[in-house]
C-alpha cells in the first residue's frame, strides 16, 4: 500500500510538471503570435502560413495542458490506467501539434520579420539541427512511440522544414507544401493516438 501511494505521488508530480511546462509554452507561443499579428500589415500567404502554424501550436500546447491536468485528476482517483492514457495523449498532442508546428514555424516567421540572410540561415539551422538532435536523442515521443519507423517520420519532418524555408523565399507551392506538412503531422498524431493505453 505504501509503495502504491509513493508511485501515485510520483505520478502526480510528473503530471504537474508536464502541465506547468505545457501551460508555459501555450503562453509563450500565444504572446509570440499576438506580437507578430499586431505588428504586420501584409497578409499574403508567406505571412499567413507561419502565423497559422503558430496558431495550431498554441492549441496543441493548450490541449496538452488540459490532458495533463486530467492526468492529475486520475492520480487523485488512484486510476493508473486513466493516468497513463491521459499522459500518452497529452504527450502526443503537445509534441506533434505543439512542438513540431512551433519549431517549423520559427524560421518562417524570421523570414517574414527580417530580410537579413544571416539571421534567416541561423534560425533554420538552429531549428532543424535542434529538432534533429531531439528526435534522435531517445527521449522524443516519436522515437518512443514509433520505435521501428521513427527514422522515416523524423527525416520527413526535417525535410518539410528545409523545403518550407526555401519555398517561402524562392519557390512556388509554399502553401501546398505547408498544407502537406500539416496533414503529415496530424496524420502521425492520429496514428499515434490509436495506440493509447486502454482506460
Foldseek 3Di string as FASTA:
>chain_A
DVVLLVVLVVLLVVLVVLLVVLVVLLVVLVVVLVVLVVPDDDDDPLSVLLSVLSVQLSVLSVVLNVLSVQLNVCSVVSNPLSNQLSNQLSLLSNVLRRVLSVLLSQLSSVVVPDPDVVVSVVSLCVSLVVLVCVLPVCPRSLCVQVVPCSVVLSVVSSVLSVVLSCCSPDNPPNVVSSVVSVVSSVVVSVVSSVPRGDD
